């Protein structure tokens, strides 16, 4: 989709500006940004990084989180930084927590005595 420069003032970007877009699950990024463009099958990836094919399939389907171990294996395989995949996974947890905490406005008290 393209937008003419003249039409930009009519567009509502509030959802983007406020950060209300949900994070993209790591499995979707793995599938669409890595496996598909590189023509790598889930089976081949699983064998290459030494994990069960079921684990890769569940990550791709969004039914399983990326653990530190799997994240490190993916990072080494694709030549990414060690924390890349864990960072993507953490992004899926942090925004929902931030939204909930804004609603409840919790008070944190530290009793050090």
N, C-alpha and C. Protein backbone atom coordinates (compact mmCIF):
# COMPACT_ATOMS: atom_id res chain seq x y z
N UNK A 1 0.84 -1.16 0.00
CA UNK A 1 0.00 0.00 0.00
C UNK A 1 0.89 1.23 0.00
N UNK A 2 0.55 2.18 -0.84
CA UNK A 2 1.31 3.43 -0.86
C UNK A 2 0.39 4.59 -0.51
N UNK A 3 0.96 5.61 0.07
CA UNK A 3 0.22 6.79 0.48
C UNK A 3 0.88 8.00 -0.17
N UNK A 4 0.07 8.81 -0.82
CA UNK A 4 0.60 10.03 -1.43
C UNK A 4 1.02 11.00 -0.33
N UNK A 5 2.09 11.73 -0.59
CA UNK A 5 2.58 12.69 0.39
C UNK A 5 1.50 13.69 0.77
N UNK A 6 0.69 14.07 -0.21
CA UNK A 6 -0.37 15.05 0.04
C UNK A 6 -1.43 14.52 1.00
N UNK A 7 -1.54 13.20 1.11
CA UNK A 7 -2.58 12.59 1.95
C UNK A 7 -2.11 12.28 3.37
N UNK A 8 -0.84 12.48 3.66
CA UNK A 8 -0.31 12.12 4.97
C UNK A 8 -1.01 12.83 6.11
N UNK A 9 -1.41 14.08 5.91
CA UNK A 9 -2.06 14.82 6.99
C UNK A 9 -3.42 14.23 7.36
N UNK A 10 -3.99 13.41 6.48
CA UNK A 10 -5.29 12.79 6.75
C UNK A 10 -5.15 11.44 7.47
N UNK A 11 -3.95 10.91 7.53
CA UNK A 11 -3.74 9.58 8.10
C UNK A 11 -3.66 9.65 9.63
N UNK A 12 -4.20 8.62 10.25
CA UNK A 12 -4.15 8.50 11.70
C UNK A 12 -3.05 7.51 12.08
N UNK A 13 -1.98 8.02 12.62
CA UNK A 13 -0.86 7.18 13.04
C UNK A 13 -0.81 7.02 14.56
N UNK A 14 -1.91 7.29 15.23
CA UNK A 14 -1.90 7.28 16.69
C UNK A 14 -1.54 5.91 17.27
N UNK A 15 -1.99 4.83 16.62
CA UNK A 15 -1.66 3.51 17.16
C UNK A 15 -0.16 3.24 17.09
N UNK A 16 0.50 3.76 16.07
CA UNK A 16 1.94 3.58 15.95
C UNK A 16 2.67 4.51 16.91
N UNK A 17 2.23 5.75 16.97
CA UNK A 17 2.89 6.74 17.82
C UNK A 17 2.77 6.39 19.30
N UNK A 18 1.67 5.79 19.69
CA UNK A 18 1.46 5.44 21.09
C UNK A 18 2.04 4.09 21.45
N UNK A 19 2.55 3.36 20.48
CA UNK A 19 3.13 2.06 20.76
C UNK A 19 2.12 0.99 21.09
N UNK A 20 0.90 1.12 20.56
CA UNK A 20 -0.15 0.15 20.88
C UNK A 20 -0.19 -1.03 19.92
N UNK A 21 0.71 -1.07 18.96
CA UNK A 21 0.74 -2.22 18.07
C UNK A 21 1.33 -3.41 18.83
N UNK A 22 0.71 -4.56 18.70
CA UNK A 22 1.25 -5.73 19.40
C UNK A 22 2.59 -6.14 18.78
N UNK A 23 3.49 -6.68 19.57
CA UNK A 23 4.77 -7.12 19.02
C UNK A 23 4.57 -8.32 18.11
N UNK A 24 5.44 -8.46 17.14
CA UNK A 24 5.39 -9.59 16.22
C UNK A 24 6.05 -10.78 16.92
N UNK A 25 5.36 -11.91 17.01
CA UNK A 25 5.94 -13.08 17.66
C UNK A 25 7.22 -13.53 16.96
N UNK A 26 8.20 -14.00 17.73
CA UNK A 26 9.47 -14.44 17.14
C UNK A 26 9.29 -15.53 16.08
N UNK A 27 8.30 -16.39 16.25
CA UNK A 27 8.06 -17.44 15.26
C UNK A 27 7.70 -16.88 13.90
N UNK A 28 6.92 -15.80 13.88
CA UNK A 28 6.57 -15.16 12.61
C UNK A 28 7.80 -14.54 11.96
N UNK A 29 8.64 -13.91 12.77
CA UNK A 29 9.87 -13.32 12.23
C UNK A 29 10.78 -14.41 11.70
N UNK A 30 10.90 -15.50 12.45
CA UNK A 30 11.72 -16.62 12.01
C UNK A 30 11.23 -17.16 10.67
N UNK A 31 9.92 -17.33 10.55
CA UNK A 31 9.36 -17.88 9.31
C UNK A 31 9.51 -16.93 8.14
N UNK A 32 9.05 -15.68 8.32
CA UNK A 32 8.94 -14.76 7.18
C UNK A 32 10.21 -14.00 6.84
N UNK A 33 11.08 -13.80 7.81
CA UNK A 33 12.29 -13.03 7.56
C UNK A 33 13.54 -13.89 7.40
N UNK A 34 13.46 -15.15 7.81
CA UNK A 34 14.64 -16.00 7.74
C UNK A 34 14.40 -17.26 6.91
N UNK A 35 13.46 -18.10 7.34
CA UNK A 35 13.29 -19.39 6.66
C UNK A 35 12.81 -19.24 5.22
N UNK A 36 11.74 -18.48 5.01
CA UNK A 36 11.20 -18.35 3.65
C UNK A 36 12.19 -17.73 2.68
N UNK A 37 12.81 -16.58 3.00
CA UNK A 37 13.74 -15.99 2.04
C UNK A 37 14.96 -16.87 1.76
N UNK A 38 15.39 -17.63 2.75
CA UNK A 38 16.57 -18.48 2.58
C UNK A 38 16.22 -19.89 2.12
N UNK A 39 14.92 -20.15 1.92
CA UNK A 39 14.44 -21.47 1.48
C UNK A 39 14.92 -22.58 2.42
N UNK A 40 14.80 -22.33 3.71
CA UNK A 40 15.18 -23.32 4.72
C UNK A 40 13.90 -23.91 5.30
N UNK A 41 13.81 -25.22 5.33
CA UNK A 41 12.63 -25.87 5.89
C UNK A 41 12.78 -25.96 7.41
N UNK A 42 11.66 -26.06 8.12
CA UNK A 42 11.75 -26.26 9.57
C UNK A 42 12.55 -27.52 9.93
N UNK A 43 12.40 -28.56 9.12
CA UNK A 43 13.15 -29.79 9.36
C UNK A 43 14.66 -29.54 9.26
N UNK A 44 15.07 -28.85 8.20
CA UNK A 44 16.50 -28.57 8.01
C UNK A 44 17.03 -27.69 9.14
N UNK A 45 16.26 -26.68 9.55
CA UNK A 45 16.69 -25.82 10.64
C UNK A 45 16.87 -26.63 11.92
N UNK A 46 15.87 -27.45 12.24
CA UNK A 46 15.94 -28.26 13.45
C UNK A 46 17.18 -29.15 13.46
N UNK A 47 17.44 -29.82 12.35
CA UNK A 47 18.61 -30.69 12.27
C UNK A 47 19.91 -29.89 12.38
N UNK A 48 19.94 -28.71 11.76
CA UNK A 48 21.15 -27.89 11.76
C UNK A 48 21.49 -27.33 13.13
N UNK A 49 20.47 -27.01 13.92
CA UNK A 49 20.74 -26.43 15.24
C UNK A 49 20.65 -27.46 16.36
N UNK A 50 20.32 -28.70 16.01
CA UNK A 50 20.33 -29.79 16.99
C UNK A 50 19.18 -29.79 17.98
N UNK A 51 17.98 -29.44 17.49
CA UNK A 51 16.79 -29.49 18.34
C UNK A 51 15.73 -30.34 17.64
N UNK A 52 14.74 -30.84 18.38
CA UNK A 52 13.67 -31.61 17.74
C UNK A 52 12.88 -30.74 16.75
N UNK A 53 12.44 -31.35 15.67
CA UNK A 53 11.65 -30.64 14.67
C UNK A 53 10.36 -30.10 15.30
N UNK A 54 9.81 -30.81 16.24
CA UNK A 54 8.58 -30.38 16.91
C UNK A 54 8.79 -29.02 17.59
N UNK A 55 9.95 -28.81 18.18
CA UNK A 55 10.23 -27.54 18.85
C UNK A 55 10.18 -26.38 17.85
N UNK A 56 10.83 -26.56 16.72
CA UNK A 56 10.83 -25.51 15.69
C UNK A 56 9.41 -25.28 15.19
N UNK A 57 8.67 -26.36 14.95
CA UNK A 57 7.29 -26.23 14.49
C UNK A 57 6.40 -25.49 15.47
N UNK A 58 6.57 -25.76 16.76
CA UNK A 58 5.77 -25.08 17.78
C UNK A 58 6.14 -23.60 17.90
N UNK A 59 7.42 -23.28 17.73
CA UNK A 59 7.84 -21.87 17.74
C UNK A 59 7.22 -21.15 16.55
N UNK A 60 7.28 -21.77 15.38
CA UNK A 60 6.71 -21.16 14.17
C UNK A 60 5.21 -20.97 14.30
N UNK A 61 4.53 -21.89 14.98
CA UNK A 61 3.08 -21.81 15.15
C UNK A 61 2.68 -20.89 16.30
N UNK A 62 3.65 -20.39 17.05
CA UNK A 62 3.34 -19.50 18.17
C UNK A 62 2.87 -20.22 19.42
N UNK A 63 3.10 -21.52 19.49
CA UNK A 63 2.68 -22.30 20.65
C UNK A 63 3.81 -22.51 21.66
N UNK A 64 5.00 -22.04 21.31
CA UNK A 64 6.15 -22.25 22.19
C UNK A 64 7.03 -21.01 22.17
N UNK A 65 7.53 -20.65 23.33
CA UNK A 65 8.45 -19.52 23.43
C UNK A 65 9.86 -19.96 23.06
N UNK A 66 10.67 -18.99 22.70
CA UNK A 66 12.07 -19.27 22.42
C UNK A 66 12.84 -19.20 23.74
N UNK A 67 13.46 -20.30 24.10
CA UNK A 67 14.26 -20.36 25.33
C UNK A 67 15.64 -19.78 25.07
N UNK A 68 16.39 -19.58 26.13
CA UNK A 68 17.76 -19.07 25.98
C UNK A 68 18.59 -20.02 25.13
N UNK A 69 18.45 -21.32 25.36
CA UNK A 69 19.21 -22.31 24.60
C UNK A 69 18.87 -22.26 23.11
N UNK A 70 17.58 -22.29 22.80
CA UNK A 70 17.16 -22.26 21.40
C UNK A 70 17.53 -20.93 20.76
N UNK A 71 17.37 -19.85 21.51
CA UNK A 71 17.73 -18.53 20.99
C UNK A 71 19.21 -18.45 20.63
N UNK A 72 20.05 -19.00 21.46
CA UNK A 72 21.49 -19.00 21.19
C UNK A 72 21.81 -19.84 19.96
N UNK A 73 21.16 -20.98 19.83
CA UNK A 73 21.37 -21.84 18.66
C UNK A 73 20.94 -21.12 17.38
N UNK A 74 19.78 -20.44 17.42
CA UNK A 74 19.30 -19.69 16.26
C UNK A 74 20.26 -18.55 15.92
N UNK A 75 20.73 -17.86 16.95
CA UNK A 75 21.65 -16.74 16.73
C UNK A 75 22.93 -17.21 16.06
N UNK A 76 23.46 -18.31 16.52
CA UNK A 76 24.70 -18.83 15.93
C UNK A 76 24.47 -19.29 14.49
N UNK A 77 23.33 -19.92 14.25
CA UNK A 77 23.03 -20.43 12.90
C UNK A 77 22.88 -19.29 11.90
N UNK A 78 22.17 -18.23 12.29
CA UNK A 78 21.91 -17.12 11.37
C UNK A 78 22.93 -15.99 11.48
N UNK A 79 23.90 -16.12 12.37
CA UNK A 79 24.93 -15.10 12.50
C UNK A 79 24.44 -13.82 13.16
N UNK A 80 23.51 -13.96 14.09
CA UNK A 80 22.96 -12.81 14.81
C UNK A 80 23.65 -12.68 16.17
N UNK A 81 23.39 -11.56 16.85
CA UNK A 81 23.93 -11.39 18.20
C UNK A 81 23.29 -12.43 19.12
N UNK A 82 24.00 -12.77 20.18
CA UNK A 82 23.52 -13.82 21.09
C UNK A 82 22.16 -13.51 21.70
N UNK A 83 21.83 -12.26 21.92
CA UNK A 83 20.57 -11.91 22.56
C UNK A 83 19.43 -11.58 21.62
N UNK A 84 19.65 -11.71 20.31
CA UNK A 84 18.64 -11.29 19.34
C UNK A 84 17.29 -11.97 19.54
N UNK A 85 17.27 -13.28 19.57
CA UNK A 85 16.00 -14.02 19.65
C UNK A 85 15.35 -13.91 21.02
N UNK A 86 16.16 -13.87 22.06
CA UNK A 86 15.61 -13.68 23.41
C UNK A 86 15.00 -12.29 23.53
N UNK A 87 15.63 -11.31 22.90
CA UNK A 87 15.08 -9.96 22.90
C UNK A 87 13.73 -9.89 22.23
N UNK A 88 13.60 -10.60 21.10
CA UNK A 88 12.30 -10.64 20.41
C UNK A 88 11.25 -11.31 21.29
N UNK A 89 11.65 -12.38 21.97
CA UNK A 89 10.71 -13.08 22.84
C UNK A 89 10.31 -12.19 24.01
N UNK A 90 11.27 -11.48 24.58
CA UNK A 90 10.98 -10.59 25.71
C UNK A 90 10.02 -9.48 25.30
N UNK A 91 10.15 -8.99 24.07
CA UNK A 91 9.25 -7.94 23.58
C UNK A 91 7.80 -8.40 23.59
N UNK A 92 7.58 -9.69 23.44
CA UNK A 92 6.21 -10.21 23.45
C UNK A 92 5.62 -10.22 24.85
N UNK A 93 6.46 -10.26 25.88
CA UNK A 93 5.98 -10.27 27.26
C UNK A 93 5.88 -8.88 27.86
N UNK A 94 6.83 -8.02 27.57
CA UNK A 94 6.90 -6.71 28.23
C UNK A 94 5.75 -5.78 27.87
N UNK A 95 5.40 -5.59 26.59
CA UNK A 95 4.29 -4.66 26.30
C UNK A 95 2.98 -5.01 26.98
N UNK A 96 2.55 -6.28 27.00
CA UNK A 96 1.30 -6.57 27.72
C UNK A 96 1.42 -6.24 29.21
N UNK A 97 2.56 -6.48 29.79
CA UNK A 97 2.75 -6.15 31.21
C UNK A 97 2.67 -4.65 31.41
N UNK A 98 3.27 -3.88 30.51
CA UNK A 98 3.21 -2.42 30.62
C UNK A 98 1.79 -1.91 30.50
N UNK A 99 1.01 -2.47 29.59
CA UNK A 99 -0.38 -2.04 29.43
C UNK A 99 -1.18 -2.33 30.69
N UNK A 100 -0.98 -3.52 31.26
CA UNK A 100 -1.71 -3.87 32.48
C UNK A 100 -1.30 -2.98 33.65
N UNK A 101 -0.02 -2.71 33.77
CA UNK A 101 0.42 -1.91 34.91
C UNK A 101 -0.05 -0.47 34.79
N UNK A 102 -0.20 0.04 33.57
CA UNK A 102 -0.74 1.39 33.40
C UNK A 102 -2.18 1.45 33.87
N UNK A 103 -2.92 0.36 33.62
CA UNK A 103 -4.32 0.35 34.01
C UNK A 103 -4.48 0.28 35.52
N UNK A 104 -3.69 -0.52 36.16
CA UNK A 104 -3.83 -0.72 37.59
C UNK A 104 -3.03 0.28 38.41
N UNK A 105 -1.98 0.87 37.79
CA UNK A 105 -1.12 1.82 38.46
C UNK A 105 -0.64 1.29 39.82
N UNK A 106 0.10 0.18 39.79
CA UNK A 106 0.51 -0.43 41.06
C UNK A 106 1.53 0.42 41.81
N UNK A 107 1.49 0.31 43.11
CA UNK A 107 2.46 0.98 43.96
C UNK A 107 3.46 -0.06 44.43
N UNK A 108 4.72 0.25 44.29
CA UNK A 108 5.77 -0.66 44.73
C UNK A 108 6.40 -0.06 45.98
N UNK A 109 6.46 -0.87 47.02
CA UNK A 109 7.00 -0.41 48.29
C UNK A 109 8.14 -1.31 48.70
N UNK A 110 9.23 -0.73 49.09
CA UNK A 110 10.36 -1.53 49.54
C UNK A 110 10.56 -1.32 51.04
N UNK A 111 10.41 -2.39 51.77
CA UNK A 111 10.69 -2.34 53.21
C UNK A 111 12.09 -2.89 53.43
N UNK A 112 13.00 -2.01 53.70
CA UNK A 112 14.39 -2.43 53.87
C UNK A 112 14.78 -2.58 55.34
N UNK A 113 13.90 -2.24 56.22
CA UNK A 113 14.25 -2.24 57.63
C UNK A 113 13.93 -3.46 58.31
